[in-house]
Amino acid sequence: MNLSYHLKEVESVLTVRSRGNGYSKYLPEDYVGSGKSKLKFLNLRVPQIREVRKKGFSFSKEESEKLWKIWDYVWMKSEIYEALLCASHFANSRPLEEVVQNRKLLLRWVKRVDNWALSDEMSCLYAKLFEADPSAMMPFFEKWNISRNPWEARQSVVGLMFYSRFRKRYPAFSLMSRFISNLMDHDHFYVQKGVGWAIRECWNVYPEKTMKIIEKHVREIPPAGWTAATEKLPKDLKAELMKKRKSPTSSSRNS
């Protein structure tokens, strides 16, 4: 199996599709990578990328084991954002049994994440893996929660549930609370966003307990995460919390 050939095929098909794509409102590199990603962006939109994968490649009808090897190679070797997104879309489209079987492979994918779109794709996968076998995934989440790599730190909170509505079983509140608290003062914008997102999803499952976290850390919840963290709260309660957040005399220690 010529993996490099398949990589070139994926990149070539995506590159051809990117020519004259007809979009000019914004560039995905700015929107997704904030201009800081090291990947090359072809400026294709997600529907276009899904369209390319739906049409298929020369290897699309291979057995699942070969498909995983090919897309793993694409993820690990390509420098094109859209190629990595194709690989993540493939992984997220597979049955849970296959995702679990390829856990070791998927756990190394986090090292190539450097933008929020790929981060979210991986969070979806890691949430599936955590739900399927929490004990096997716990060491990785513990490591990510204290990692200096901000994209690993983000996984430790967003990847626990991703979206609570997709989960049949939930992480313990004590675990979510601990991981969220550990990152409350993180200075990376997308970790801050992740903290807010995790608080919101935690509130969906444990509203009363999560409310106590919000009240206790009303001034510490990072700015980039505040909107998401309070998204589901009643307007009057949000207004009250915002007053406390802005008050110079308000302190999490006094809450």
C-alpha atoms as a PDB file:
ATOM      1  CA  MET A   1       0.000   0.000   0.000  1.00  0.00           C
ATOM      2  CA  ASN A   2       1.531   3.275  -1.154  1.00  0.00           C
ATOM      3  CA  LEU A   3       0.569   5.706   1.596  1.00  0.00           C
ATOM      4  CA  SER A   4       2.478   8.650   0.137  1.00  0.00           C
ATOM      5  CA  TYR A   5       0.574   8.212  -3.126  1.00  0.00           C
ATOM      6  CA  HIS A   6      -2.751   8.410  -1.299  1.00  0.00           C
ATOM      7  CA  LEU A   7      -1.579  11.485   0.584  1.00  0.00           C
ATOM      8  CA  LYS A   8      -0.698  13.237  -2.670  1.00  0.00           C
ATOM      9  CA  GLU A   9      -4.068  12.235  -4.104  1.00  0.00           C
ATOM     10  CA  VAL A  10      -5.982  13.758  -1.184  1.00  0.00           C
ATOM     11  CA  GLU A  11      -3.966  16.966  -1.312  1.00  0.00           C
ATOM     12  CA  SER A  12      -4.285  17.209  -5.088  1.00  0.00           C
ATOM     13  CA  VAL A  13      -8.061  16.744  -5.112  1.00  0.00           C
ATOM     14  CA  LEU A  14      -8.504  19.343  -2.377  1.00  0.00           C
ATOM     15  CA  THR A  15      -6.183  21.799  -4.124  1.00  0.00           C
ATOM     16  CA  VAL A  16      -8.090  21.498  -7.405  1.00  0.00           C
ATOM     17  CA  ARG A  17     -11.390  21.967  -5.571  1.00  0.00           C
ATOM     18  CA  SER A  18     -10.072  25.133  -3.926  1.00  0.00           C
ATOM     19  CA  ARG A  19      -9.560  26.959  -7.212  1.00  0.00           C
ATOM     20  CA  GLY A  20     -12.296  29.484  -7.809  1.00  0.00           C
ATOM     21  CA  ASN A  21     -14.319  28.376  -4.776  1.00  0.00           C
ATOM     22  CA  GLY A  22     -16.429  31.514  -4.988  1.00  0.00           C
ATOM     23  CA  TYR A  23     -16.117  32.598  -1.357  1.00  0.00           C
ATOM     24  CA  SER A  24     -14.666  35.909  -0.253  1.00  0.00           C
ATOM     25  CA  LYS A  25     -16.402  36.819   3.028  1.00  0.00           C
ATOM     26  CA  TYR A  26     -13.501  35.598   5.151  1.00  0.00           C
ATOM     27  CA  LEU A  27     -10.532  33.308   4.925  1.00  0.00           C
ATOM     28  CA  PRO A  28     -10.593  30.125   7.028  1.00  0.00           C
ATOM     29  CA  GLU A  29      -6.955  30.746   7.912  1.00  0.00           C
ATOM     30  CA  ASP A  30      -7.977  33.884   9.775  1.00  0.00           C
ATOM     31  CA  TYR A  31     -11.229  32.461  11.117  1.00  0.00           C
ATOM     32  CA  VAL A  32      -9.960  29.033  12.117  1.00  0.00           C
ATOM     33  CA  GLY A  33      -6.243  29.499  12.645  1.00  0.00           C
ATOM     34  CA  SER A  34      -6.286  33.125  13.788  1.00  0.00           C
ATOM     35  CA  GLY A  35      -3.266  33.589  11.556  1.00  0.00           C
ATOM     36  CA  LYS A  36      -1.147  31.488  13.943  1.00  0.00           C
ATOM     37  CA  SER A  37      -1.579  27.986  12.569  1.00  0.00           C
ATOM     38  CA  LYS A  38       1.475  26.456  10.926  1.00  0.00           C
ATOM     39  CA  LEU A  39      -0.697  24.613   8.426  1.00  0.00           C
ATOM     40  CA  LYS A  40      -1.376  25.670   4.857  1.00  0.00           C
ATOM     41  CA  PHE A  41      -4.994  26.706   4.234  1.00  0.00           C
ATOM     42  CA  LEU A  42      -6.731  26.171   0.893  1.00  0.00           C
ATOM     43  CA  ASN A  43      -9.684  28.267   2.100  1.00  0.00           C
ATOM     44  CA  LEU A  44     -12.284  25.583   1.483  1.00  0.00           C
ATOM     45  CA  ARG A  45     -15.442  25.597   3.578  1.00  0.00           C
ATOM     46  CA  VAL A  46     -16.609  22.576   5.541  1.00  0.00           C
ATOM     47  CA  PRO A  47     -19.453  21.731   3.098  1.00  0.00           C
ATOM     48  CA  GLN A  48     -16.929  21.734   0.255  1.00  0.00           C
ATOM     49  CA  ILE A  49     -14.585  19.472   2.177  1.00  0.00           C
ATOM     50  CA  ARG A  50     -17.406  17.068   2.987  1.00  0.00           C
ATOM     51  CA  GLU A  51     -18.400  17.126  -0.678  1.00  0.00           C
ATOM     52  CA  VAL A  52     -14.876  16.112  -1.695  1.00  0.00           C
ATOM     53  CA  ARG A  53     -14.806  13.215   0.753  1.00  0.00           C
ATOM     54  CA  LYS A  54     -18.304  12.128  -0.267  1.00  0.00           C
ATOM     55  CA  LYS A  55     -17.225  11.878  -3.907  1.00  0.00           C
ATOM     56  CA  GLY A  56     -14.431   9.658  -2.683  1.00  0.00           C
ATOM     57  CA  PHE A  57     -10.859   8.829  -3.573  1.00  0.00           C
ATOM     58  CA  SER A  58      -9.281   5.873  -5.315  1.00  0.00           C
ATOM     59  CA  PHE A  59      -8.945   4.135  -1.935  1.00  0.00           C
ATOM     60  CA  SER A  60     -12.401   4.945  -0.547  1.00  0.00           C
ATOM     61  CA  LYS A  61     -13.708   1.387  -0.925  1.00  0.00           C
ATOM     62  CA  GLU A  62     -10.786  -0.265   0.837  1.00  0.00           C
ATOM     63  CA  GLU A  63     -11.466  -2.274   3.995  1.00  0.00           C
ATOM     64  CA  SER A  64     -11.618  -0.310   7.231  1.00  0.00           C
ATOM     65  CA  GLU A  65      -8.167  -1.352   8.477  1.00  0.00           C
ATOM     66  CA  LYS A  66      -6.507   0.080   5.365  1.00  0.00           C
ATOM     67  CA  LEU A  67      -8.637   3.199   5.488  1.00  0.00           C
ATOM     68  CA  TRP A  68      -7.480   3.939   9.035  1.00  0.00           C
ATOM     69  CA  LYS A  69      -3.849   3.527   7.991  1.00  0.00           C
ATOM     70  CA  ILE A  70      -4.302   5.861   5.035  1.00  0.00           C
ATOM     71  CA  TRP A  71      -6.078   8.592   6.972  1.00  0.00           C
ATOM     72  CA  ASP A  72      -3.626   8.286   9.853  1.00  0.00           C
ATOM     73  CA  TYR A  73      -0.824   8.861   7.380  1.00  0.00           C
ATOM     74  CA  VAL A  74      -2.652  11.865   5.924  1.00  0.00           C
ATOM     75  CA  TRP A  75      -3.162  13.338   9.394  1.00  0.00           C
ATOM     76  CA  MET A  76       0.432  12.826  10.469  1.00  0.00           C
ATOM     77  CA  LYS A  77       2.138  13.887   7.234  1.00  0.00           C
ATOM     78  CA  SER A  78       0.054  16.518   5.469  1.00  0.00           C
ATOM     79  CA  GLU A  79       0.705  20.224   5.967  1.00  0.00           C
ATOM     80  CA  ILE A  80      -2.705  21.167   4.532  1.00  0.00           C
ATOM     81  CA  TYR A  81      -5.453  22.002   7.006  1.00  0.00           C
ATOM     82  CA  GLU A  82      -8.231  20.666   4.795  1.00  0.00           C
ATOM     83  CA  ALA A  83      -6.487  17.293   4.448  1.00  0.00           C
ATOM     84  CA  LEU A  84      -6.331  16.945   8.240  1.00  0.00           C
ATOM     85  CA  LEU A  85      -9.970  17.949   8.470  1.00  0.00           C
ATOM     86  CA  CYS A  86     -10.841  15.218   5.958  1.00  0.00           C
ATOM     87  CA  ALA A  87      -9.029  12.698   8.148  1.00  0.00           C
ATOM     88  CA  SER A  88     -10.884  13.832  11.265  1.00  0.00           C
ATOM     89  CA  HIS A  89     -14.205  13.715   9.415  1.00  0.00           C
ATOM     90  CA  PHE A  90     -13.404  10.139   8.422  1.00  0.00           C
ATOM     91  CA  ALA A  91     -12.627   9.151  12.012  1.00  0.00           C
ATOM     92  CA  ASN A  92     -15.763  10.808  13.372  1.00  0.00           C
ATOM     93  CA  SER A  93     -17.893   9.025  10.771  1.00  0.00           C
ATOM     94  CA  ARG A  94     -16.778   5.549  11.801  1.00  0.00           C
ATOM     95  CA  PRO A  95     -18.613   3.193  14.193  1.00  0.00           C
ATOM     96  CA  LEU A  96     -17.691   3.543  17.852  1.00  0.00           C
ATOM     97  CA  GLU A  97     -16.153   0.060  17.858  1.00  0.00           C
ATOM     98  CA  GLU A  98     -13.635   1.154  15.216  1.00  0.00           C
ATOM     99  CA  VAL A  99     -12.894   4.401  17.054  1.00  0.00           C
ATOM    100  CA  VAL A 100     -12.125   2.449  20.237  1.00  0.00           C
ATOM    101  CA  GLN A 101      -9.984  -0.059  18.330  1.00  0.00           C
ATOM    102  CA  ASN A 102      -7.923   2.816  16.947  1.00  0.00           C
ATOM    103  CA  ARG A 103      -7.587   4.657  20.256  1.00  0.00           C
ATOM    104  CA  LYS A 104      -3.791   4.481  20.323  1.00  0.00           C
ATOM    105  CA  LEU A 105      -3.617   5.965  16.850  1.00  0.00           C
ATOM    106  CA  LEU A 106      -6.072   8.754  17.657  1.00  0.00           C
ATOM    107  CA  LEU A 107      -4.345   9.743  20.886  1.00  0.00           C
ATOM    108  CA  ARG A 108      -1.256  10.840  18.999  1.00  0.00           C
ATOM    109  CA  TRP A 109      -3.298  13.029  16.657  1.00  0.00           C
ATOM    110  CA  VAL A 110      -3.584  15.712  19.337  1.00  0.00           C
ATOM    111  CA  LYS A 111       0.043  16.658  18.722  1.00  0.00           C
ATOM    112  CA  ARG A 112      -0.850  18.121  15.323  1.00  0.00           C
ATOM    113  CA  VAL A 113      -3.700  20.299  16.536  1.00  0.00           C
ATOM    114  CA  ASP A 114      -2.977  24.027  16.328  1.00  0.00           C
ATOM    115  CA  ASN A 115      -6.381  25.587  15.662  1.00  0.00           C
ATOM    116  CA  TRP A 116      -9.838  25.398  17.197  1.00  0.00           C
ATOM    117  CA  ALA A 117     -11.536  23.590  14.297  1.00  0.00           C
ATOM    118  CA  LEU A 118      -9.243  20.576  14.476  1.00  0.00           C
ATOM    119  CA  SER A 119      -9.350  20.794  18.262  1.00  0.00           C
ATOM    120  CA  ASP A 120     -13.129  20.482  18.241  1.00  0.00           C
ATOM    121  CA  GLU A 121     -12.984  17.527  15.855  1.00  0.00           C
ATOM    122  CA  MET A 122     -10.628  15.745  18.220  1.00  0.00           C
ATOM    123  CA  SER A 123     -12.755  16.671  21.237  1.00  0.00           C
ATOM    124  CA  CYS A 124     -15.658  14.881  19.602  1.00  0.00           C
ATOM    125  CA  LEU A 125     -13.527  11.760  19.205  1.00  0.00           C
ATOM    126  CA  TYR A 126     -11.989  11.899  22.676  1.00  0.00           C
ATOM    127  CA  ALA A 127     -15.397  12.360  24.285  1.00  0.00           C
ATOM    128  CA  LYS A 128     -16.526   9.162  22.571  1.00  0.00           C
ATOM    129  CA  LEU A 129     -13.433   7.355  23.817  1.00  0.00           C
ATOM    130  CA  PHE A 130     -13.814   8.689  27.367  1.00  0.00           C
ATOM    131  CA  GLU A 131     -17.450   7.652  27.523  1.00  0.00           C
ATOM    132  CA  ALA A 132     -16.595   4.182  26.216  1.00  0.00           C
ATOM    133  CA  ASP A 133     -13.750   3.566  28.676  1.00  0.00           C
ATOM    134  CA  PRO A 134     -13.090   6.336  31.249  1.00  0.00           C
ATOM    135  CA  SER A 135     -10.381   4.420  33.114  1.00  0.00           C
ATOM    136  CA  ALA A 136      -8.326   3.901  29.957  1.00  0.00           C
ATOM    137  CA  MET A 137      -8.588   7.559  28.960  1.00  0.00           C
ATOM    138  CA  MET A 138      -8.124   9.122  32.385  1.00  0.00           C
ATOM    139  CA  PRO A 139      -4.298   9.107  32.364  1.00  0.00           C
ATOM    140  CA  PHE A 140      -4.294  11.050  29.105  1.00  0.00           C
ATOM    141  CA  PHE A 141      -6.788  13.634  30.326  1.00  0.00           C
ATOM    142  CA  GLU A 142      -4.812  14.053  33.556  1.00  0.00           C
ATOM    143  CA  LYS A 143      -1.652  14.646  31.539  1.00  0.00           C
ATOM    144  CA  TRP A 144      -3.369  17.074  29.171  1.00  0.00           C
ATOM    145  CA  ASN A 145      -4.832  19.085  32.039  1.00  0.00           C
ATOM    146  CA  ILE A 146      -1.348  20.093  33.207  1.00  0.00           C
ATOM    147  CA  SER A 147       0.241  20.231  29.754  1.00  0.00           C
ATOM    148  CA  ARG A 148       2.087  23.324  28.558  1.00  0.00           C
ATOM    149  CA  ASN A 149       0.616  22.671  25.139  1.00  0.00           C
ATOM    150  CA  PRO A 150      -2.568  24.804  25.161  1.00  0.00           C
ATOM    151  CA  TRP A 151      -4.355  22.520  22.700  1.00  0.00           C
ATOM    152  CA  GLU A 152      -3.814  19.541  24.997  1.00  0.00           C
ATOM    153  CA  ALA A 153      -4.988  21.612  27.972  1.00  0.00           C
ATOM    154  CA  ARG A 154      -8.117  22.518  26.016  1.00  0.00           C
ATOM    155  CA  GLN A 155      -8.789  18.838  25.305  1.00  0.00           C
ATOM    156  CA  SER A 156      -8.772  18.056  29.009  1.00  0.00           C
ATOM    157  CA  VAL A 157     -11.957  20.082  29.535  1.00  0.00           C
ATOM    158  CA  VAL A 158     -13.718  20.220  26.154  1.00  0.00           C
ATOM    159  CA  GLY A 159     -12.962  16.582  25.338  1.00  0.00           C
ATOM    160  CA  LEU A 160     -14.626  15.265  28.491  1.00  0.00           C
ATOM    161  CA  MET A 161     -18.123  15.728  27.093  1.00  0.00           C
ATOM    162  CA  PHE A 162     -17.773  17.865  23.969  1.00  0.00           C
ATOM    163  CA  TYR A 163     -21.565  18.299  23.808  1.00  0.00           C
ATOM    164  CA  SER A 164     -23.435  16.837  26.770  1.00  0.00           C
ATOM    165  CA  ARG A 165     -26.474  16.113  24.591  1.00  0.00           C
ATOM    166  CA  PHE A 166     -24.435  13.522  22.686  1.00  0.00           C
ATOM    167  CA  ARG A 167     -23.459  11.605  25.822  1.00  0.00           C
ATOM    168  CA  LYS A 168     -25.291   8.715  27.436  1.00  0.00           C
ATOM    169  CA  ARG A 169     -22.969   8.740  30.427  1.00  0.00           C
ATOM    170  CA  TYR A 170     -21.320  11.794  31.958  1.00  0.00           C
ATOM    171  CA  PRO A 171     -17.981  12.408  33.682  1.00  0.00           C
ATOM    172  CA  ALA A 172     -18.271  12.912  37.432  1.00  0.00           C
ATOM    173  CA  PHE A 173     -18.874  16.505  38.506  1.00  0.00           C
ATOM    174  CA  SER A 174     -15.835  16.352  40.798  1.00  0.00           C
ATOM    175  CA  LEU A 175     -13.616  15.542  37.822  1.00  0.00           C
ATOM    176  CA  MET A 176     -15.026  18.304  35.645  1.00  0.00           C
ATOM    177  CA  SER A 177     -14.814  20.802  38.498  1.00  0.00           C
ATOM    178  CA  ARG A 178     -11.173  19.950  39.187  1.00  0.00           C
ATOM    179  CA  PHE A 179     -10.067  20.144  35.565  1.00  0.00           C
ATOM    180  CA  ILE A 180     -11.955  23.395  34.973  1.00  0.00           C
ATOM    181  CA  SER A 181     -10.531  24.995  38.136  1.00  0.00           C
ATOM    182  CA  ASN A 182      -6.997  24.038  37.145  1.00  0.00           C
ATOM    183  CA  LEU A 183      -7.319  26.037  33.917  1.00  0.00           C
ATOM    184  CA  MET A 184      -9.328  28.975  35.238  1.00  0.00           C
ATOM    185  CA  ASP A 185      -6.347  31.356  35.009  1.00  0.00           C
ATOM    186  CA  HIS A 186      -4.877  30.023  31.743  1.00  0.00           C
ATOM    187  CA  ASP A 187      -3.677  32.807  29.448  1.00  0.00           C
ATOM    188  CA  HIS A 188      -4.343  31.122  26.087  1.00  0.00           C
ATOM    189  CA  PHE A 189      -7.447  32.483  24.353  1.00  0.00           C
ATOM    190  CA  TYR A 190      -8.742  29.110  23.158  1.00  0.00           C
ATOM    191  CA  VAL A 191      -8.139  27.440  26.504  1.00  0.00           C
ATOM    192  CA  GLN A 192     -10.197  30.237  28.050  1.00  0.00           C
ATOM    193  CA  LYS A 193     -12.913  29.580  25.469  1.00  0.00           C
ATOM    194  CA  GLY A 194     -12.698  25.879  26.310  1.00  0.00           C
ATOM    195  CA  VAL A 195     -13.130  26.572  30.018  1.00  0.00           C
ATOM    196  CA  GLY A 196     -16.291  28.549  29.307  1.00  0.00           C
ATOM    197  CA  TRP A 197     -17.578  25.828  27.021  1.00  0.00           C
ATOM    198  CA  ALA A 198     -16.906  23.159  29.649  1.00  0.00           C
ATOM    199  CA  ILE A 199     -18.726  25.172  32.334  1.00  0.00           C
ATOM    200  CA  ARG A 200     -21.753  25.475  30.052  1.00  0.00           C
ATOM    201  CA  GLU A 201     -21.851  21.742  29.306  1.00  0.00           C
ATOM    202  CA  CYS A 202     -21.311  20.946  32.978  1.00  0.00           C
ATOM    203  CA  TRP A 203     -24.256  23.216  33.830  1.00  0.00           C
ATOM    204  CA  ASN A 204     -26.418  21.261  31.386  1.00  0.00           C
ATOM    205  CA  VAL A 205     -25.807  18.120  33.449  1.00  0.00           C
ATOM    206  CA  TYR A 206     -25.153  19.435  36.973  1.00  0.00           C
ATOM    207  CA  PRO A 207     -26.909  22.829  37.104  1.00  0.00           C
ATOM    208  CA  GLU A 208     -26.966  23.416  40.861  1.00  0.00           C
ATOM    209  CA  LYS A 209     -23.395  22.323  41.516  1.00  0.00           C
ATOM    210  CA  THR A 210     -22.104  24.214  38.485  1.00  0.00           C
ATOM    211  CA  MET A 211     -23.925  27.362  39.573  1.00  0.00           C
ATOM    212  CA  LYS A 212     -21.858  27.308  42.754  1.00  0.00           C
ATOM    213  CA  ILE A 213     -18.679  27.207  40.648  1.00  0.00           C
ATOM    214  CA  ILE A 214     -19.847  30.172  38.587  1.00  0.00           C
ATOM    215  CA  GLU A 215     -20.713  32.162  41.716  1.00  0.00           C
ATOM    216  CA  LYS A 216     -17.480  31.264  43.462  1.00  0.00           C
ATOM    217  CA  HIS A 217     -15.318  32.163  40.467  1.00  0.00           C
ATOM    218  CA  VAL A 218     -17.491  34.938  39.063  1.00  0.00           C
ATOM    219  CA  ARG A 219     -14.485  37.229  38.585  1.00  0.00           C
ATOM    220  CA  GLU A 220     -12.035  34.482  37.674  1.00  0.00           C
ATOM    221  CA  ILE A 221     -13.845  32.852  34.773  1.00  0.00           C
ATOM    222  CA  PRO A 222     -11.670  33.940  31.834  1.00  0.00           C
ATOM    223  CA  PRO A 223     -13.024  36.745  29.627  1.00  0.00           C
ATOM    224  CA  ALA A 224     -12.991  34.614  26.483  1.00  0.00           C
ATOM    225  CA  GLY A 225     -15.050  31.943  28.233  1.00  0.00           C
ATOM    226  CA  TRP A 226     -17.597  34.071  30.084  1.00  0.00           C
ATOM    227  CA  THR A 227     -20.211  34.222  27.310  1.00  0.00           C
ATOM    228  CA  ALA A 228     -20.251  30.460  26.815  1.00  0.00           C
ATOM    229  CA  ALA A 229     -20.157  29.761  30.559  1.00  0.00           C
ATOM    230  CA  THR A 230     -23.311  31.834  31.206  1.00  0.00           C
ATOM    231  CA  GLU A 231     -25.076  31.168  27.901  1.00  0.00           C
ATOM    232  CA  LYS A 232     -27.876  29.033  29.344  1.00  0.00           C
ATOM    233  CA  LEU A 233     -28.524  31.111  32.468  1.00  0.00           C
ATOM    234  CA  PRO A 234     -31.660  33.285  32.847  1.00  0.00           C
ATOM    235  CA  LYS A 235     -31.125  36.906  31.792  1.00  0.00           C
ATOM    236  CA  ASP A 236     -31.784  38.329  35.247  1.00  0.00           C
ATOM    237  CA  LEU A 237     -29.281  35.950  36.832  1.00  0.00           C
ATOM    238  CA  LYS A 238     -26.671  36.785  34.199  1.00  0.00           C
ATOM    239  CA  ALA A 239     -27.176  40.477  34.867  1.00  0.00           C
ATOM    240  CA  GLU A 240     -26.723  39.934  38.608  1.00  0.00           C
ATOM    241  CA  LEU A 241     -23.554  37.914  38.045  1.00  0.00           C
ATOM    242  CA  MET A 242     -22.181  40.537  35.682  1.00  0.00           C
ATOM    243  CA  LYS A 243     -22.594  43.190  38.379  1.00  0.00           C
ATOM    244  CA  LYS A 244     -20.587  41.042  40.779  1.00  0.00           C
ATOM    245  CA  ARG A 245     -18.021  40.379  38.056  1.00  0.00           C
ATOM    246  CA  LYS A 246     -17.501  44.093  37.462  1.00  0.00           C
ATOM    247  CA  SER A 247     -17.626  45.150  41.095  1.00  0.00           C
ATOM    248  CA  PRO A 248     -14.149  46.025  42.446  1.00  0.00           C
ATOM    249  CA  THR A 249     -15.205  44.848  45.907  1.00  0.00           C
ATOM    250  CA  SER A 250     -16.442  41.481  44.663  1.00  0.00           C
ATOM    251  CA  SER A 251     -14.043  38.617  45.191  1.00  0.00           C
ATOM    252  CA  SER A 252     -14.237  34.886  44.618  1.00  0.00           C
ATOM    253  CA  ARG A 253     -12.810  34.463  48.108  1.00  0.00           C
ATOM    254  CA  ASN A 254     -15.786  36.283  49.582  1.00  0.00           C
ATOM    255  CA  SER A 255     -18.410  34.379  47.585  1.00  0.00           C
END
